[in-house]
Amino acid sequence: MSEQTPDQEIGVGPWQGELPSGDHWDPELLREGDRRNVVDGYRYWRHDAIVADLDTHRHEFHVAVENWGHDFNIGSVIRTANAFNAKAFHIVGKRRWNRRGAMVTDRYQHEHHHRTVEDLLAWAATAGRDEQGAPRAIPLIGIDNLPGSVPLETHDLPRECVLVFGQEGPGLSAGMREACEVVLHIEQFGSTRSINAGAAAAVAMHAWVRRHVFGQAVE
């Protein structure tokens, strides 16, 4: 959602009054104004200070997106990962991806690249931590409308997991489907067979937040 009306500029102008003290403030932004798309609490902060603060309360789910065809929707998924403060996002396939839809929100996140599905699986095999802090595997959870998939609404998403999304159109690749512990679909009630990949990502991430931030158990 936009933070301004048609007759308003994005963000805020130069700081008014006595300048604040602290290493997290950006002198240039204080002087020139802050027109970035950030929440009010991060106005005038240095970029690296924002990332460091986000790192103190990132959630325990990761987001992975297959990138075989430079899909524009990847950027939308990554922007949503920022909104829900995912632990990190992972690009599987081509290293270069269509960043336009991310609207620079990728700069506030941690990006990982995996050349193949097998590389992502190898990373996930030791990405989690048990109660003693020892490495353990975290599951890949596919999100796609496929035969045999399970409703997202009735599945108890694990706290540590990787939510995996395919490209717009073809969805998850065959190799990624096999790599996932489970593939979940979002229940729909209209005439269209599927929803936009960016929208599906938002629904899935919000389901994780409802379960693990607000404690709404799956019945």
Protein backbone atom coordinates (compact mmCIF):
# COMPACT_ATOMS: atom_id res chain seq x y z
CA MET A 1 0.00 0.00 0.00
CA SER A 2 1.19 3.53 -0.74
CA GLU A 3 2.18 5.85 2.07
CA GLN A 4 1.15 9.06 0.29
CA THR A 5 -1.86 10.65 -1.37
CA PRO A 6 -1.58 11.98 -4.95
CA ASP A 7 -0.75 15.50 -3.75
CA GLN A 8 1.93 14.43 -1.26
CA GLU A 9 5.59 13.54 -1.59
CA ILE A 10 6.87 10.23 -0.33
CA GLY A 11 8.60 10.36 3.03
CA VAL A 12 9.69 13.38 5.03
CA GLY A 13 11.72 16.52 4.45
CA PRO A 14 14.87 17.71 6.26
CA TRP A 15 14.98 17.26 10.02
CA GLN A 16 13.56 20.25 11.87
CA GLY A 17 15.19 21.52 15.07
CA GLU A 18 18.21 20.27 16.98
CA LEU A 19 19.87 17.29 15.32
CA PRO A 20 19.55 13.99 17.20
CA SER A 21 22.59 12.11 18.47
CA GLY A 22 23.39 8.47 17.77
CA ASP A 23 25.38 6.38 15.28
CA HIS A 24 22.26 5.08 13.55
CA TRP A 25 21.31 8.48 12.10
CA ASP A 26 22.31 9.32 8.52
CA PRO A 27 23.68 12.88 8.32
CA GLU A 28 22.74 13.28 4.67
CA LEU A 29 19.16 12.16 5.22
CA LEU A 30 18.81 14.45 8.21
CA ARG A 31 20.01 17.30 6.04
CA GLU A 32 18.20 16.51 2.78
CA GLY A 33 15.15 14.54 3.89
CA ASP A 34 14.25 10.87 3.73
CA ARG A 35 12.18 9.83 0.70
CA ARG A 36 12.70 6.08 1.06
CA ASN A 37 9.86 3.58 1.41
CA VAL A 38 10.55 2.75 5.06
CA VAL A 39 8.32 2.72 8.14
CA ASP A 40 8.32 5.85 10.28
CA GLY A 41 10.45 4.22 12.96
CA TYR A 42 13.36 3.99 10.50
CA ARG A 43 13.16 7.54 9.14
CA TYR A 44 16.59 9.15 8.79
CA TRP A 45 18.38 5.92 9.81
CA ARG A 46 21.46 4.69 7.95
CA HIS A 47 20.77 1.73 5.69
CA ASP A 48 23.17 -0.60 7.51
CA ALA A 49 21.65 0.41 10.86
CA ILE A 50 18.18 -0.58 9.62
CA VAL A 51 19.45 -3.98 8.45
CA ALA A 52 21.20 -4.55 11.78
CA ASP A 53 18.04 -3.71 13.70
CA LEU A 54 15.91 -5.98 11.49
CA ASP A 55 18.40 -8.78 12.18
CA THR A 56 17.52 -8.64 15.88
CA HIS A 57 13.96 -9.79 15.26
CA ARG A 58 13.80 -11.61 11.93
CA HIS A 59 11.34 -14.47 11.76
CA GLU A 60 12.41 -18.08 11.43
CA PHE A 61 11.05 -18.80 7.98
CA HIS A 62 13.00 -18.41 4.75
CA VAL A 63 11.62 -17.74 1.29
CA ALA A 64 12.94 -19.46 -1.84
CA VAL A 65 11.96 -18.67 -5.41
CA GLU A 66 12.85 -20.63 -8.53
CA ASN A 67 14.33 -18.36 -11.18
CA TRP A 68 14.50 -20.11 -14.52
CA GLY A 69 12.88 -17.44 -16.71
CA HIS A 70 13.51 -13.99 -15.15
CA ASP A 71 9.92 -13.78 -13.91
CA PHE A 72 8.75 -10.30 -12.91
CA ASN A 73 6.75 -11.74 -10.00
CA ILE A 74 9.94 -12.68 -8.15
CA GLY A 75 10.36 -9.07 -7.11
CA SER A 76 6.86 -9.01 -5.63
CA VAL A 77 7.62 -12.14 -3.59
CA ILE A 78 10.84 -10.61 -2.28
CA ARG A 79 9.09 -7.38 -1.36
CA THR A 80 6.57 -9.38 0.66
CA ALA A 81 9.41 -11.29 2.35
CA ASN A 82 10.67 -7.91 3.54
CA ALA A 83 7.23 -6.91 4.82
CA PHE A 84 7.04 -10.06 6.96
CA ASN A 85 10.75 -9.86 7.91
CA ALA A 86 11.76 -13.30 6.66
CA LYS A 87 15.08 -14.66 7.85
CA ALA A 88 16.43 -14.52 4.29
CA PHE A 89 15.41 -15.07 0.69
CA HIS A 90 16.92 -17.59 -1.70
CA ILE A 91 17.09 -17.47 -5.48
CA VAL A 92 17.30 -20.91 -7.07
CA GLY A 93 18.55 -21.09 -10.67
CA LYS A 94 19.86 -18.03 -12.47
CA ARG A 95 21.74 -15.63 -10.23
CA ARG A 96 20.32 -12.56 -11.95
CA TRP A 97 16.65 -12.04 -11.21
CA ASN A 98 14.07 -9.38 -12.03
CA ARG A 99 14.44 -6.92 -9.15
CA ARG A 100 11.99 -4.33 -10.42
CA GLY A 101 9.04 -5.53 -8.37
CA ALA A 102 11.12 -5.67 -5.19
CA MET A 103 11.29 -1.85 -5.16
CA VAL A 104 14.75 -1.95 -3.47
CA THR A 105 13.41 -3.90 -0.47
CA ASP A 106 15.97 -6.61 -1.26
CA ARG A 107 18.63 -4.23 0.12
CA TYR A 108 17.18 -4.70 3.61
CA GLN A 109 17.29 -8.50 3.47
CA HIS A 110 19.84 -11.30 3.21
CA GLU A 111 20.06 -12.88 -0.22
CA HIS A 112 21.38 -16.35 -1.01
CA HIS A 113 21.83 -17.95 -4.41
CA HIS A 114 21.64 -21.67 -5.16
CA ARG A 115 22.45 -22.84 -8.66
CA THR A 116 20.29 -25.96 -8.42
CA VAL A 117 17.54 -27.49 -6.31
CA GLU A 118 20.15 -29.89 -4.94
CA ASP A 119 22.24 -26.94 -3.76
CA LEU A 120 19.25 -25.53 -1.87
CA LEU A 121 18.65 -28.93 -0.28
CA ALA A 122 22.29 -29.17 0.79
CA TRP A 123 22.05 -25.75 2.43
CA ALA A 124 18.77 -26.62 4.20
CA ALA A 125 20.27 -29.85 5.58
CA THR A 126 22.22 -27.88 8.21
CA ALA A 127 20.41 -24.52 8.28
CA GLY A 128 18.32 -25.15 11.41
CA ARG A 129 19.36 -25.35 15.06
CA ASP A 130 18.22 -27.76 17.75
CA GLU A 131 17.75 -26.87 21.44
CA GLN A 132 21.49 -27.29 22.05
CA GLY A 133 22.36 -25.08 19.08
CA ALA A 134 23.58 -27.93 16.90
CA PRO A 135 22.82 -27.81 13.15
CA ARG A 136 19.75 -29.63 11.89
CA ALA A 137 17.72 -29.74 8.69
CA ILE A 138 14.81 -27.43 8.02
CA PRO A 139 12.05 -28.55 5.66
CA LEU A 140 11.20 -27.12 2.27
CA ILE A 141 7.48 -26.32 2.09
CA GLY A 142 6.22 -25.89 -1.47
CA ILE A 143 3.35 -23.54 -2.26
CA ASP A 144 1.57 -24.56 -5.44
CA ASN A 145 -1.83 -25.69 -6.68
CA LEU A 146 -0.96 -29.25 -7.66
CA PRO A 147 -2.66 -32.66 -7.64
CA GLY A 148 -2.05 -34.20 -4.23
CA SER A 149 -1.24 -30.89 -2.54
CA VAL A 150 -2.55 -30.18 0.97
CA PRO A 151 -4.63 -27.13 1.95
CA LEU A 152 -2.47 -24.45 3.52
CA GLU A 153 -5.36 -23.54 5.79
CA THR A 154 -5.29 -26.92 7.59
CA HIS A 155 -1.54 -27.54 7.65
CA ASP A 156 0.50 -26.65 10.74
CA LEU A 157 3.49 -24.78 9.29
CA PRO A 158 6.72 -25.52 11.18
CA ARG A 159 8.49 -22.61 12.87
CA GLU A 160 11.74 -23.21 10.98
CA CYS A 161 11.06 -23.78 7.30
CA VAL A 162 11.66 -22.60 3.77
CA LEU A 163 8.54 -21.50 1.89
CA VAL A 164 9.23 -22.32 -1.75
CA PHE A 165 7.58 -20.65 -4.74
CA GLY A 166 7.83 -21.44 -8.43
CA GLN A 167 7.55 -19.21 -11.44
CA GLU A 168 4.32 -17.65 -12.60
CA GLY A 169 2.64 -20.13 -14.94
CA PRO A 170 4.60 -23.37 -14.64
CA GLY A 171 4.83 -23.23 -10.84
CA LEU A 172 7.26 -25.45 -8.98
CA SER A 173 9.64 -27.51 -11.10
CA ALA A 174 9.45 -31.29 -10.89
CA GLY A 175 12.75 -31.42 -9.02
CA MET A 176 11.59 -28.89 -6.46
CA ARG A 177 8.32 -30.74 -5.90
CA GLU A 178 10.28 -33.86 -5.02
CA ALA A 179 12.57 -31.90 -2.71
CA CYS A 180 9.70 -30.44 -0.69
CA GLU A 181 8.48 -32.18 2.46
CA VAL A 182 4.95 -31.16 1.51
CA VAL A 183 3.29 -29.03 -1.16
CA LEU A 184 0.48 -26.78 0.03
CA HIS A 185 -2.21 -25.05 -1.97
CA ILE A 186 -4.38 -22.06 -1.10
CA GLU A 187 -8.10 -22.80 -1.18
CA GLN A 188 -9.93 -20.78 -3.84
CA PHE A 189 -13.61 -20.28 -4.46
CA GLY A 190 -13.90 -18.47 -7.78
CA SER A 191 -13.58 -19.47 -11.41
CA THR A 192 -9.84 -18.99 -11.94
CA ARG A 193 -7.55 -21.97 -11.43
CA SER A 194 -4.73 -20.11 -9.72
CA ILE A 195 -3.75 -16.80 -8.18
CA ASN A 196 -0.74 -14.59 -8.87
CA ALA A 197 2.54 -15.92 -7.44
CA GLY A 198 3.10 -12.71 -5.50
CA ALA A 199 -0.36 -12.94 -3.95
CA ALA A 200 0.14 -16.59 -3.06
CA ALA A 201 3.42 -15.74 -1.36
CA ALA A 202 1.72 -13.06 0.74
CA VAL A 203 -1.01 -15.47 1.84
CA ALA A 204 1.52 -18.16 2.79
CA MET A 205 3.78 -15.81 4.75
CA HIS A 206 0.81 -14.35 6.57
CA ALA A 207 -0.31 -17.87 7.50
CA TRP A 208 3.12 -18.42 9.09
CA VAL A 209 2.83 -15.13 11.00
CA ARG A 210 -0.66 -15.97 12.28
CA ARG A 211 0.59 -19.34 13.53
CA HIS A 212 3.94 -18.39 15.07
CA VAL A 213 3.62 -14.69 15.96
CA PHE A 214 -0.03 -14.51 17.01
CA GLY A 215 -0.30 -18.14 18.14
CA GLN A 216 -3.40 -19.01 16.15
CA ALA A 217 -3.33 -22.80 16.11
CA VAL A 218 -4.44 -24.72 13.03
CA GLU A 219 -7.59 -26.72 13.64
